[in-house]
Amino acid sequence: MEARDILIRPIVTEKSTDLMAENKYTFEVDLRANKTQIKAAVEEIFNVEVEKVNTSRVRGKLRRMGRHEGYTSDWKKAVVTLKPGHSIEVFAGF
């Protein structure tokens, strides 16, 4: 799996923006990717050193459009902690 296939997109929410002050960055990643692959992908794409990776699997929610209903897709979230002195410039490299 290529590095750009592992990292799908950055998550930019109020909570993830607050985490950037603690040198933590949040990404949506491939469901099959493990922590080691995520670490390698972030280090390759952004040229930084990763200290820690936390992952969580987000289950799809039930959504309705009129009388039709279905579920949104499941996805995986990764919170990547960088080593001191490293940072990602507001996801400019993505």
N, C-alpha and C. Protein backbone atom coordinates (compact mmCIF):
# COMPACT_ATOMS: atom_id res chain seq x y z
N MET A 1 0.85 -1.18 0.00
CA MET A 1 0.00 0.00 0.00
C MET A 1 0.89 1.25 0.00
N GLU A 2 0.61 2.18 -0.88
CA GLU A 2 1.37 3.43 -0.99
C GLU A 2 0.99 4.38 0.14
N ALA A 3 1.88 5.32 0.44
CA ALA A 3 1.64 6.27 1.53
C ALA A 3 0.40 7.12 1.27
N ARG A 4 0.20 7.53 0.03
CA ARG A 4 -0.97 8.37 -0.30
C ARG A 4 -2.27 7.56 -0.31
N ASP A 5 -2.17 6.24 -0.39
CA ASP A 5 -3.36 5.40 -0.30
C ASP A 5 -3.79 5.22 1.15
N ILE A 6 -2.84 5.31 2.08
CA ILE A 6 -3.13 5.11 3.49
C ILE A 6 -3.81 6.34 4.08
N LEU A 7 -3.24 7.53 3.86
CA LEU A 7 -3.83 8.77 4.36
C LEU A 7 -4.86 9.26 3.35
N ILE A 8 -6.12 9.30 3.75
CA ILE A 8 -7.18 9.72 2.83
C ILE A 8 -7.36 11.23 2.86
N ARG A 9 -7.53 11.80 4.05
CA ARG A 9 -7.69 13.25 4.16
C ARG A 9 -7.46 13.68 5.60
N PRO A 10 -7.09 14.95 5.79
CA PRO A 10 -6.99 15.45 7.16
C PRO A 10 -8.39 15.74 7.71
N ILE A 11 -8.56 15.58 9.00
CA ILE A 11 -9.82 15.91 9.67
C ILE A 11 -9.65 17.29 10.28
N VAL A 12 -10.44 18.26 9.81
CA VAL A 12 -10.35 19.62 10.32
C VAL A 12 -11.67 19.94 11.03
N THR A 13 -11.66 19.77 12.35
CA THR A 13 -12.81 20.12 13.17
C THR A 13 -12.31 21.00 14.30
N GLU A 14 -13.21 21.50 15.10
CA GLU A 14 -12.82 22.34 16.23
C GLU A 14 -11.93 21.56 17.20
N LYS A 15 -12.30 20.32 17.47
CA LYS A 15 -11.53 19.51 18.40
C LYS A 15 -10.14 19.18 17.84
N SER A 16 -10.07 18.81 16.56
CA SER A 16 -8.77 18.47 15.98
C SER A 16 -7.88 19.70 15.85
N THR A 17 -8.47 20.86 15.64
CA THR A 17 -7.68 22.10 15.59
C THR A 17 -7.09 22.42 16.95
N ASP A 18 -7.85 22.18 18.02
CA ASP A 18 -7.33 22.39 19.38
C ASP A 18 -6.18 21.42 19.68
N LEU A 19 -6.24 20.20 19.14
CA LEU A 19 -5.19 19.21 19.36
C LEU A 19 -3.87 19.60 18.68
N MET A 20 -3.95 20.43 17.64
CA MET A 20 -2.73 20.86 16.95
C MET A 20 -1.79 21.63 17.87
N ALA A 21 -2.34 22.28 18.88
CA ALA A 21 -1.52 23.00 19.86
C ALA A 21 -0.67 22.02 20.67
N GLU A 22 -1.13 20.77 20.80
CA GLU A 22 -0.39 19.73 21.51
C GLU A 22 0.45 18.89 20.56
N ASN A 23 0.62 19.36 19.31
CA ASN A 23 1.41 18.67 18.29
C ASN A 23 0.77 17.35 17.87
N LYS A 24 -0.58 17.32 17.86
CA LYS A 24 -1.32 16.13 17.44
C LYS A 24 -2.15 16.49 16.20
N TYR A 25 -2.08 15.64 15.20
CA TYR A 25 -2.78 15.87 13.94
C TYR A 25 -3.68 14.69 13.63
N THR A 26 -4.87 14.97 13.09
CA THR A 26 -5.89 13.95 12.89
C THR A 26 -6.11 13.70 11.40
N PHE A 27 -6.16 12.43 11.01
CA PHE A 27 -6.36 12.05 9.62
C PHE A 27 -7.42 10.96 9.52
N GLU A 28 -8.12 10.95 8.38
CA GLU A 28 -8.92 9.78 8.02
C GLU A 28 -7.98 8.86 7.26
N VAL A 29 -7.95 7.59 7.65
CA VAL A 29 -7.02 6.65 7.04
C VAL A 29 -7.78 5.44 6.51
N ASP A 30 -7.09 4.63 5.71
CA ASP A 30 -7.67 3.42 5.16
C ASP A 30 -8.04 2.46 6.29
N LEU A 31 -9.16 1.80 6.16
CA LEU A 31 -9.64 0.88 7.21
C LEU A 31 -8.66 -0.26 7.47
N ARG A 32 -7.90 -0.66 6.46
CA ARG A 32 -6.99 -1.81 6.59
C ARG A 32 -5.61 -1.41 7.11
N ALA A 33 -5.34 -0.11 7.23
CA ALA A 33 -4.01 0.35 7.63
C ALA A 33 -3.79 0.14 9.12
N ASN A 34 -2.57 -0.28 9.49
CA ASN A 34 -2.24 -0.42 10.90
C ASN A 34 -1.38 0.77 11.35
N LYS A 35 -1.06 0.84 12.64
CA LYS A 35 -0.34 1.98 13.18
C LYS A 35 1.05 2.16 12.57
N THR A 36 1.72 1.06 12.30
CA THR A 36 3.06 1.13 11.71
C THR A 36 3.00 1.72 10.31
N GLN A 37 2.02 1.31 9.52
CA GLN A 37 1.86 1.84 8.16
C GLN A 37 1.48 3.32 8.18
N ILE A 38 0.63 3.71 9.13
CA ILE A 38 0.22 5.11 9.24
C ILE A 38 1.41 5.98 9.62
N LYS A 39 2.22 5.51 10.56
CA LYS A 39 3.42 6.25 10.98
C LYS A 39 4.36 6.45 9.80
N ALA A 40 4.61 5.39 9.05
CA ALA A 40 5.51 5.47 7.89
C ALA A 40 4.98 6.42 6.83
N ALA A 41 3.66 6.41 6.61
CA ALA A 41 3.05 7.27 5.60
C ALA A 41 3.17 8.74 5.97
N VAL A 42 2.90 9.08 7.24
CA VAL A 42 2.99 10.47 7.69
C VAL A 42 4.44 10.96 7.61
N GLU A 43 5.37 10.11 8.02
CA GLU A 43 6.78 10.50 7.97
C GLU A 43 7.24 10.71 6.53
N GLU A 44 6.76 9.88 5.60
CA GLU A 44 7.17 10.00 4.20
C GLU A 44 6.56 11.23 3.53
N ILE A 45 5.27 11.45 3.74
CA ILE A 45 4.58 12.55 3.04
C ILE A 45 4.99 13.92 3.60
N PHE A 46 5.03 14.06 4.92
CA PHE A 46 5.26 15.37 5.53
C PHE A 46 6.69 15.60 5.99
N ASN A 47 7.56 14.59 5.89
CA ASN A 47 8.97 14.71 6.29
C ASN A 47 9.11 15.16 7.74
N VAL A 48 8.42 14.45 8.65
CA VAL A 48 8.46 14.73 10.09
C VAL A 48 8.73 13.42 10.82
N GLU A 49 8.99 13.50 12.13
CA GLU A 49 9.16 12.30 12.94
C GLU A 49 7.94 12.11 13.83
N VAL A 50 7.37 10.91 13.80
CA VAL A 50 6.16 10.59 14.55
C VAL A 50 6.55 9.92 15.85
N GLU A 51 5.95 10.39 16.94
CA GLU A 51 6.20 9.80 18.25
C GLU A 51 5.20 8.69 18.55
N LYS A 52 3.90 8.93 18.24
CA LYS A 52 2.86 8.00 18.63
C LYS A 52 1.68 8.10 17.66
N VAL A 53 0.97 6.98 17.48
CA VAL A 53 -0.23 6.95 16.64
C VAL A 53 -1.36 6.30 17.43
N ASN A 54 -2.48 6.99 17.53
CA ASN A 54 -3.68 6.43 18.15
C ASN A 54 -4.74 6.29 17.06
N THR A 55 -5.39 5.14 17.00
CA THR A 55 -6.42 4.92 15.98
C THR A 55 -7.75 4.58 16.63
N SER A 56 -8.81 4.88 15.89
CA SER A 56 -10.14 4.46 16.32
C SER A 56 -10.98 4.24 15.08
N ARG A 57 -11.86 3.27 15.18
CA ARG A 57 -12.74 2.95 14.07
C ARG A 57 -14.09 3.61 14.32
N VAL A 58 -14.54 4.40 13.35
CA VAL A 58 -15.79 5.15 13.48
C VAL A 58 -16.86 4.41 12.68
N ARG A 59 -17.91 4.01 13.37
CA ARG A 59 -19.00 3.28 12.71
C ARG A 59 -19.91 4.24 11.98
N GLY A 60 -20.47 3.78 10.87
CA GLY A 60 -21.39 4.59 10.08
C GLY A 60 -22.69 4.86 10.82
N LYS A 61 -23.28 6.01 10.54
CA LYS A 61 -24.52 6.39 11.21
C LYS A 61 -25.72 6.14 10.30
N LEU A 62 -26.88 5.93 10.91
CA LEU A 62 -28.11 5.76 10.16
C LEU A 62 -28.57 7.13 9.65
N ARG A 63 -28.82 7.24 8.36
CA ARG A 63 -29.28 8.48 7.75
C ARG A 63 -30.54 8.20 6.94
N ARG A 64 -31.43 9.19 6.89
CA ARG A 64 -32.67 9.04 6.14
C ARG A 64 -32.80 10.15 5.12
N MET A 65 -33.30 9.79 3.95
CA MET A 65 -33.66 10.77 2.92
C MET A 65 -35.10 10.45 2.55
N GLY A 66 -36.04 11.18 3.14
CA GLY A 66 -37.44 10.86 2.92
C GLY A 66 -37.78 9.52 3.55
N ARG A 67 -38.32 8.62 2.75
CA ARG A 67 -38.67 7.31 3.30
C ARG A 67 -37.56 6.29 3.13
N HIS A 68 -36.48 6.67 2.47
CA HIS A 68 -35.34 5.76 2.29
C HIS A 68 -34.34 5.97 3.41
N GLU A 69 -33.79 4.89 3.89
CA GLU A 69 -32.77 5.02 4.94
C GLU A 69 -31.61 4.08 4.64
N GLY A 70 -30.45 4.46 5.17
CA GLY A 70 -29.26 3.65 4.98
C GLY A 70 -28.19 4.14 5.94
N TYR A 71 -27.03 3.53 5.86
CA TYR A 71 -25.94 3.88 6.75
C TYR A 71 -24.82 4.57 5.98
N THR A 72 -24.17 5.54 6.61
CA THR A 72 -22.96 6.11 6.04
C THR A 72 -21.84 5.08 6.21
N SER A 73 -20.77 5.28 5.50
CA SER A 73 -19.67 4.31 5.52
C SER A 73 -18.92 4.33 6.84
N ASP A 74 -18.40 3.16 7.24
CA ASP A 74 -17.48 3.09 8.37
C ASP A 74 -16.15 3.68 7.91
N TRP A 75 -15.41 4.30 8.84
CA TRP A 75 -14.10 4.84 8.50
C TRP A 75 -13.19 4.78 9.71
N LYS A 76 -11.91 5.00 9.48
CA LYS A 76 -10.92 4.89 10.54
C LYS A 76 -10.23 6.24 10.71
N LYS A 77 -10.05 6.61 11.97
CA LYS A 77 -9.44 7.89 12.31
C LYS A 77 -8.11 7.62 13.02
N ALA A 78 -7.10 8.42 12.69
CA ALA A 78 -5.79 8.30 13.33
C ALA A 78 -5.37 9.65 13.87
N VAL A 79 -5.00 9.70 15.15
CA VAL A 79 -4.44 10.90 15.77
C VAL A 79 -2.94 10.65 15.90
N VAL A 80 -2.16 11.45 15.18
CA VAL A 80 -0.72 11.26 15.10
C VAL A 80 -0.04 12.32 15.95
N THR A 81 0.77 11.88 16.92
CA THR A 81 1.53 12.79 17.77
C THR A 81 2.95 12.88 17.21
N LEU A 82 3.39 14.11 16.94
CA LEU A 82 4.74 14.33 16.40
C LEU A 82 5.73 14.57 17.52
N LYS A 83 7.00 14.28 17.26
CA LYS A 83 8.05 14.53 18.23
C LYS A 83 8.24 16.04 18.39
N PRO A 84 8.71 16.49 19.56
CA PRO A 84 8.92 17.93 19.78
C PRO A 84 9.84 18.52 18.72
N GLY A 85 9.48 19.72 18.26
CA GLY A 85 10.28 20.38 17.24
C GLY A 85 9.78 20.14 15.83
N HIS A 86 8.85 19.20 15.65
CA HIS A 86 8.30 18.92 14.33
C HIS A 86 6.87 19.43 14.27
N SER A 87 6.45 19.86 13.08
CA SER A 87 5.06 20.29 12.90
C SER A 87 4.69 20.14 11.43
N ILE A 88 3.40 20.12 11.19
CA ILE A 88 2.86 20.06 9.84
C ILE A 88 2.19 21.41 9.59
N GLU A 89 2.56 22.06 8.51
CA GLU A 89 2.02 23.39 8.22
C GLU A 89 0.59 23.29 7.71
N VAL A 90 -0.37 23.38 8.61
CA VAL A 90 -1.81 23.42 8.32
C VAL A 90 -2.19 22.54 7.14
N PHE A 91 -1.63 21.34 7.12
CA PHE A 91 -1.93 20.34 6.11
C PHE A 91 -1.65 20.83 4.69
N ALA A 92 -0.63 21.70 4.53
CA ALA A 92 -0.29 22.24 3.22
C ALA A 92 0.22 21.18 2.26
N GLY A 93 0.93 20.16 2.78
CA GLY A 93 1.51 19.14 1.91
C GLY A 93 0.51 18.12 1.40
N PHE A 94 -0.71 18.18 1.85
CA PHE A 94 -1.70 17.19 1.47
C PHE A 94 -2.39 17.69 0.27
